[in-house]
Amino acid sequence: MTDRPTRRPSGRYNGRLALEICARLADGISLRRIAADPAMPARSTIWRWLAEKPEFAAAYRRARAADAERLADEILEIADDGGDDYVLGAKGGALPNTEHLQRSKLRIDTRKWLIARRSADATQAQGDANDDDRGGAGDAGVTLYLPDNERD
């Protein structure tokens, strides 16, 4: 039997692959890593599916929301874990483990940033969908009428 390389799927929408993409996203696997898998569609294909398939875009948003919940749980675990916060100093006293504390702060801040960014992306995507529902193009025009108060 020959070992044939796995071929990347065609760019045609595939509901089974779309569900697999969403499941992986919800589990915390990045879109970059998903698209790097030869059994998955290319990143550009996934973006096209998001633009063309409302059902996939909705499932994608739900997967991102599930991932945000996972990240929030991780933030709590990191914040509550004080196991390595102190090290034994030269004189036998406990000293703050600055490297560990800074790494924990970075891990928490990174997760908070991802949650905020993805929430903003989801809100924008929902706003775009609402724009389509209104027949508008994003910004509703606002006209201000100022009374003529006969000043120059």
C-alpha atoms as a PDB file:
ATOM      1  CA  MET A   1       0.000   0.000   0.000  1.00  0.00           C
ATOM      2  CA  THR A   2       1.374   3.418  -0.901  1.00  0.00           C
ATOM      3  CA  ASP A   3       1.291   6.347   1.456  1.00  0.00           C
ATOM      4  CA  ARG A   4      -0.445   9.022  -0.537  1.00  0.00           C
ATOM      5  CA  PRO A   5      -0.380  12.507   0.925  1.00  0.00           C
ATOM      6  CA  THR A   6      -3.679  13.837   2.165  1.00  0.00           C
ATOM      7  CA  ARG A   7      -5.118  16.231  -0.369  1.00  0.00           C
ATOM      8  CA  ARG A   8      -6.649  19.494   0.711  1.00  0.00           C
ATOM      9  CA  PRO A   9     -10.413  19.495   0.115  1.00  0.00           C
ATOM     10  CA  SER A  10     -11.851  21.504  -2.743  1.00  0.00           C
ATOM     11  CA  GLY A  11     -13.090  25.024  -2.123  1.00  0.00           C
ATOM     12  CA  ARG A  12     -16.716  23.916  -2.437  1.00  0.00           C
ATOM     13  CA  TYR A  13     -18.684  24.326   0.795  1.00  0.00           C
ATOM     14  CA  ASN A  14     -18.843  21.153   2.849  1.00  0.00           C
ATOM     15  CA  GLY A  15     -21.125  21.099   5.884  1.00  0.00           C
ATOM     16  CA  ARG A  16     -19.217  18.253   7.551  1.00  0.00           C
ATOM     17  CA  LEU A  17     -15.934  20.178   7.308  1.00  0.00           C
ATOM     18  CA  ALA A  18     -17.653  23.359   8.482  1.00  0.00           C
ATOM     19  CA  LEU A  19     -18.852  21.558  11.631  1.00  0.00           C
ATOM     20  CA  GLU A  20     -15.358  20.137  12.210  1.00  0.00           C
ATOM     21  CA  ILE A  21     -13.847  23.622  11.873  1.00  0.00           C
ATOM     22  CA  CYS A  22     -16.319  24.987  14.440  1.00  0.00           C
ATOM     23  CA  ALA A  23     -15.691  22.085  16.834  1.00  0.00           C
ATOM     24  CA  ARG A  24     -11.949  22.687  16.682  1.00  0.00           C
ATOM     25  CA  LEU A  25     -12.397  26.435  17.201  1.00  0.00           C
ATOM     26  CA  ALA A  26     -14.589  25.794  20.248  1.00  0.00           C
ATOM     27  CA  ASP A  27     -11.829  23.542  21.616  1.00  0.00           C
ATOM     28  CA  GLY A  28      -9.327  26.390  21.360  1.00  0.00           C
ATOM     29  CA  ILE A  29      -7.495  25.413  18.191  1.00  0.00           C
ATOM     30  CA  SER A  30      -6.566  28.497  16.184  1.00  0.00           C
ATOM     31  CA  LEU A  31      -7.900  29.055  12.690  1.00  0.00           C
ATOM     32  CA  ARG A  32      -4.302  29.165  11.468  1.00  0.00           C
ATOM     33  CA  ARG A  33      -3.641  25.670  12.860  1.00  0.00           C
ATOM     34  CA  ILE A  34      -6.921  24.344  11.485  1.00  0.00           C
ATOM     35  CA  ALA A  35      -6.152  25.657   7.999  1.00  0.00           C
ATOM     36  CA  ALA A  36      -2.617  24.228   8.194  1.00  0.00           C
ATOM     37  CA  ASP A  37      -4.108  20.728   8.462  1.00  0.00           C
ATOM     38  CA  PRO A  38      -4.053  19.237   4.925  1.00  0.00           C
ATOM     39  CA  ALA A  39      -7.437  17.602   5.597  1.00  0.00           C
ATOM     40  CA  MET A  40      -9.011  21.030   6.162  1.00  0.00           C
ATOM     41  CA  PRO A  41      -9.791  23.806   3.676  1.00  0.00           C
ATOM     42  CA  ALA A  42      -7.391  26.700   3.217  1.00  0.00           C
ATOM     43  CA  ARG A  43      -7.883  29.784   5.363  1.00  0.00           C
ATOM     44  CA  SER A  44      -9.050  31.806   2.356  1.00  0.00           C
ATOM     45  CA  THR A  45     -11.705  29.174   1.677  1.00  0.00           C
ATOM     46  CA  ILE A  46     -12.908  29.337   5.274  1.00  0.00           C
ATOM     47  CA  TRP A  47     -13.168  33.146   5.045  1.00  0.00           C
ATOM     48  CA  ARG A  48     -15.116  32.823   1.785  1.00  0.00           C
ATOM     49  CA  TRP A  49     -17.494  30.326   3.386  1.00  0.00           C
ATOM     50  CA  LEU A  50     -18.047  32.766   6.258  1.00  0.00           C
ATOM     51  CA  ALA A  51     -19.003  35.486   3.787  1.00  0.00           C
ATOM     52  CA  GLU A  52     -21.204  33.264   1.618  1.00  0.00           C
ATOM     53  CA  LYS A  53     -22.869  30.878   4.078  1.00  0.00           C
ATOM     54  CA  PRO A  54     -24.921  32.521   6.848  1.00  0.00           C
ATOM     55  CA  GLU A  55     -25.434  29.178   8.608  1.00  0.00           C
ATOM     56  CA  PHE A  56     -21.666  28.644   8.767  1.00  0.00           C
ATOM     57  CA  ALA A  57     -21.119  32.228   9.965  1.00  0.00           C
ATOM     58  CA  ALA A  58     -23.654  31.662  12.773  1.00  0.00           C
ATOM     59  CA  ALA A  59     -22.020  28.356  13.783  1.00  0.00           C
ATOM     60  CA  TYR A  60     -18.609  30.049  13.649  1.00  0.00           C
ATOM     61  CA  ARG A  61     -19.815  32.811  16.020  1.00  0.00           C
ATOM     62  CA  ARG A  62     -21.195  30.180  18.417  1.00  0.00           C
ATOM     63  CA  ALA A  63     -17.863  28.332  18.317  1.00  0.00           C
ATOM     64  CA  ARG A  64     -15.995  31.547  19.078  1.00  0.00           C
ATOM     65  CA  ALA A  65     -18.374  32.227  21.987  1.00  0.00           C
ATOM     66  CA  ALA A  66     -17.693  28.730  23.346  1.00  0.00           C
ATOM     67  CA  ASP A  67     -13.968  29.383  23.001  1.00  0.00           C
ATOM     68  CA  ALA A  68     -14.372  32.665  24.904  1.00  0.00           C
ATOM     69  CA  GLU A  69     -16.019  30.740  27.758  1.00  0.00           C
ATOM     70  CA  ARG A  70     -13.106  28.299  27.722  1.00  0.00           C
ATOM     71  CA  LEU A  71     -10.628  31.180  27.850  1.00  0.00           C
ATOM     72  CA  ALA A  72     -12.521  32.773  30.753  1.00  0.00           C
ATOM     73  CA  ASP A  73     -12.321  29.471  32.640  1.00  0.00           C
ATOM     74  CA  GLU A  74      -8.572  29.367  31.989  1.00  0.00           C
ATOM     75  CA  ILE A  75      -8.216  32.922  33.311  1.00  0.00           C
ATOM     76  CA  LEU A  76      -9.820  31.846  36.591  1.00  0.00           C
ATOM     77  CA  GLU A  77      -7.570  28.789  36.832  1.00  0.00           C
ATOM     78  CA  ILE A  78      -4.427  30.827  36.188  1.00  0.00           C
ATOM     79  CA  ALA A  79      -5.457  33.549  38.644  1.00  0.00           C
ATOM     80  CA  ASP A  80      -6.379  31.055  41.367  1.00  0.00           C
ATOM     81  CA  ASP A  81      -3.205  28.969  41.017  1.00  0.00           C
ATOM     82  CA  GLY A  82      -0.717  30.351  43.528  1.00  0.00           C
ATOM     83  CA  GLY A  83       1.467  27.263  43.618  1.00  0.00           C
ATOM     84  CA  ASP A  84       4.626  28.808  42.179  1.00  0.00           C
ATOM     85  CA  ASP A  85       4.119  32.393  43.307  1.00  0.00           C
ATOM     86  CA  TYR A  86       6.966  32.199  45.827  1.00  0.00           C
ATOM     87  CA  VAL A  87      10.462  30.712  45.814  1.00  0.00           C
ATOM     88  CA  LEU A  88      12.876  30.050  48.632  1.00  0.00           C
ATOM     89  CA  GLY A  89      15.363  32.884  48.980  1.00  0.00           C
ATOM     90  CA  ALA A  90      19.058  32.572  49.862  1.00  0.00           C
ATOM     91  CA  LYS A  91      18.330  33.287  53.522  1.00  0.00           C
ATOM     92  CA  GLY A  92      15.515  30.763  53.690  1.00  0.00           C
ATOM     93  CA  GLY A  93      12.685  33.273  53.359  1.00  0.00           C
ATOM     94  CA  ALA A  94       9.958  33.234  50.760  1.00  0.00           C
ATOM     95  CA  LEU A  95      10.474  35.626  47.853  1.00  0.00           C
ATOM     96  CA  PRO A  96       8.002  36.465  45.093  1.00  0.00           C
ATOM     97  CA  ASN A  97       8.670  34.413  41.968  1.00  0.00           C
ATOM     98  CA  THR A  98       8.604  37.454  39.698  1.00  0.00           C
ATOM     99  CA  GLU A  99       9.098  35.498  36.483  1.00  0.00           C
ATOM    100  CA  HIS A 100       6.160  33.198  37.258  1.00  0.00           C
ATOM    101  CA  LEU A 101       3.954  36.096  38.350  1.00  0.00           C
ATOM    102  CA  GLN A 102       4.735  38.073  35.184  1.00  0.00           C
ATOM    103  CA  ARG A 103       4.126  35.020  32.985  1.00  0.00           C
ATOM    104  CA  SER A 104       0.768  34.452  34.693  1.00  0.00           C
ATOM    105  CA  LYS A 105      -0.142  38.101  34.125  1.00  0.00           C
ATOM    106  CA  LEU A 106       0.829  37.796  30.458  1.00  0.00           C
ATOM    107  CA  ARG A 107      -1.234  34.623  30.070  1.00  0.00           C
ATOM    108  CA  ILE A 108      -4.272  36.297  31.635  1.00  0.00           C
ATOM    109  CA  ASP A 109      -3.863  39.527  29.638  1.00  0.00           C
ATOM    110  CA  THR A 110      -3.480  37.592  26.379  1.00  0.00           C
ATOM    111  CA  ARG A 111      -6.660  35.640  27.030  1.00  0.00           C
ATOM    112  CA  LYS A 112      -8.537  38.821  27.970  1.00  0.00           C
ATOM    113  CA  TRP A 113      -7.333  40.457  24.745  1.00  0.00           C
ATOM    114  CA  LEU A 114      -8.483  37.476  22.681  1.00  0.00           C
ATOM    115  CA  ILE A 115     -11.912  37.499  24.332  1.00  0.00           C
ATOM    116  CA  ALA A 116     -12.308  41.247  23.717  1.00  0.00           C
ATOM    117  CA  ARG A 117     -11.121  41.024  20.117  1.00  0.00           C
ATOM    118  CA  ARG A 118     -13.326  38.093  19.261  1.00  0.00           C
ATOM    119  CA  SER A 119     -16.306  39.706  20.979  1.00  0.00           C
ATOM    120  CA  ALA A 120     -15.753  42.842  18.908  1.00  0.00           C
ATOM    121  CA  ASP A 121     -15.421  40.737  15.737  1.00  0.00           C
ATOM    122  CA  ALA A 122     -18.667  38.912  16.557  1.00  0.00           C
ATOM    123  CA  THR A 123     -20.446  42.188  17.300  1.00  0.00           C
ATOM    124  CA  GLN A 124     -19.207  43.630  14.010  1.00  0.00           C
ATOM    125  CA  ALA A 125     -20.318  40.524  12.130  1.00  0.00           C
ATOM    126  CA  GLN A 126     -23.746  40.755  13.775  1.00  0.00           C
ATOM    127  CA  GLY A 127     -23.879  44.445  12.910  1.00  0.00           C
ATOM    128  CA  ASP A 128     -23.083  43.646   9.291  1.00  0.00           C
ATOM    129  CA  ALA A 129     -25.909  41.113   9.257  1.00  0.00           C
ATOM    130  CA  ASN A 130     -28.265  43.712  10.737  1.00  0.00           C
ATOM    131  CA  ASP A 131     -27.179  46.216   8.084  1.00  0.00           C
ATOM    132  CA  ASP A 132     -28.215  43.719   5.439  1.00  0.00           C
ATOM    133  CA  ASP A 133     -31.591  43.286   7.151  1.00  0.00           C
ATOM    134  CA  ARG A 134     -32.197  47.040   7.052  1.00  0.00           C
ATOM    135  CA  GLY A 135     -31.058  47.335   3.487  1.00  0.00           C
ATOM    136  CA  GLY A 136     -28.451  49.836   4.626  1.00  0.00           C
ATOM    137  CA  ALA A 137     -24.752  49.961   4.032  1.00  0.00           C
ATOM    138  CA  GLY A 138     -23.511  50.219   7.576  1.00  0.00           C
ATOM    139  CA  ASP A 139     -23.762  53.818   8.688  1.00  0.00           C
ATOM    140  CA  ALA A 140     -27.239  55.249   8.731  1.00  0.00           C
ATOM    141  CA  GLY A 141     -27.098  58.819   7.511  1.00  0.00           C
ATOM    142  CA  VAL A 142     -27.856  61.479  10.081  1.00  0.00           C
ATOM    143  CA  THR A 143     -28.959  64.921   9.005  1.00  0.00           C
ATOM    144  CA  LEU A 144     -28.748  67.807  11.432  1.00  0.00           C
ATOM    145  CA  TYR A 145     -31.033  70.770  10.951  1.00  0.00           C
ATOM    146  CA  LEU A 146     -29.730  73.896  12.601  1.00  0.00           C
ATOM    147  CA  PRO A 147     -32.086  76.826  13.015  1.00  0.00           C
ATOM    148  CA  ASP A 148     -31.119  80.021  11.292  1.00  0.00           C
ATOM    149  CA  ASN A 149     -30.451  82.322  14.229  1.00  0.00           C
ATOM    150  CA  GLU A 150     -29.379  85.152  11.931  1.00  0.00           C
ATOM    151  CA  ARG A 151     -25.790  85.188  13.161  1.00  0.00           C
ATOM    152  CA  ASP A 152     -22.839  85.475  10.855  1.00  0.00           C
END
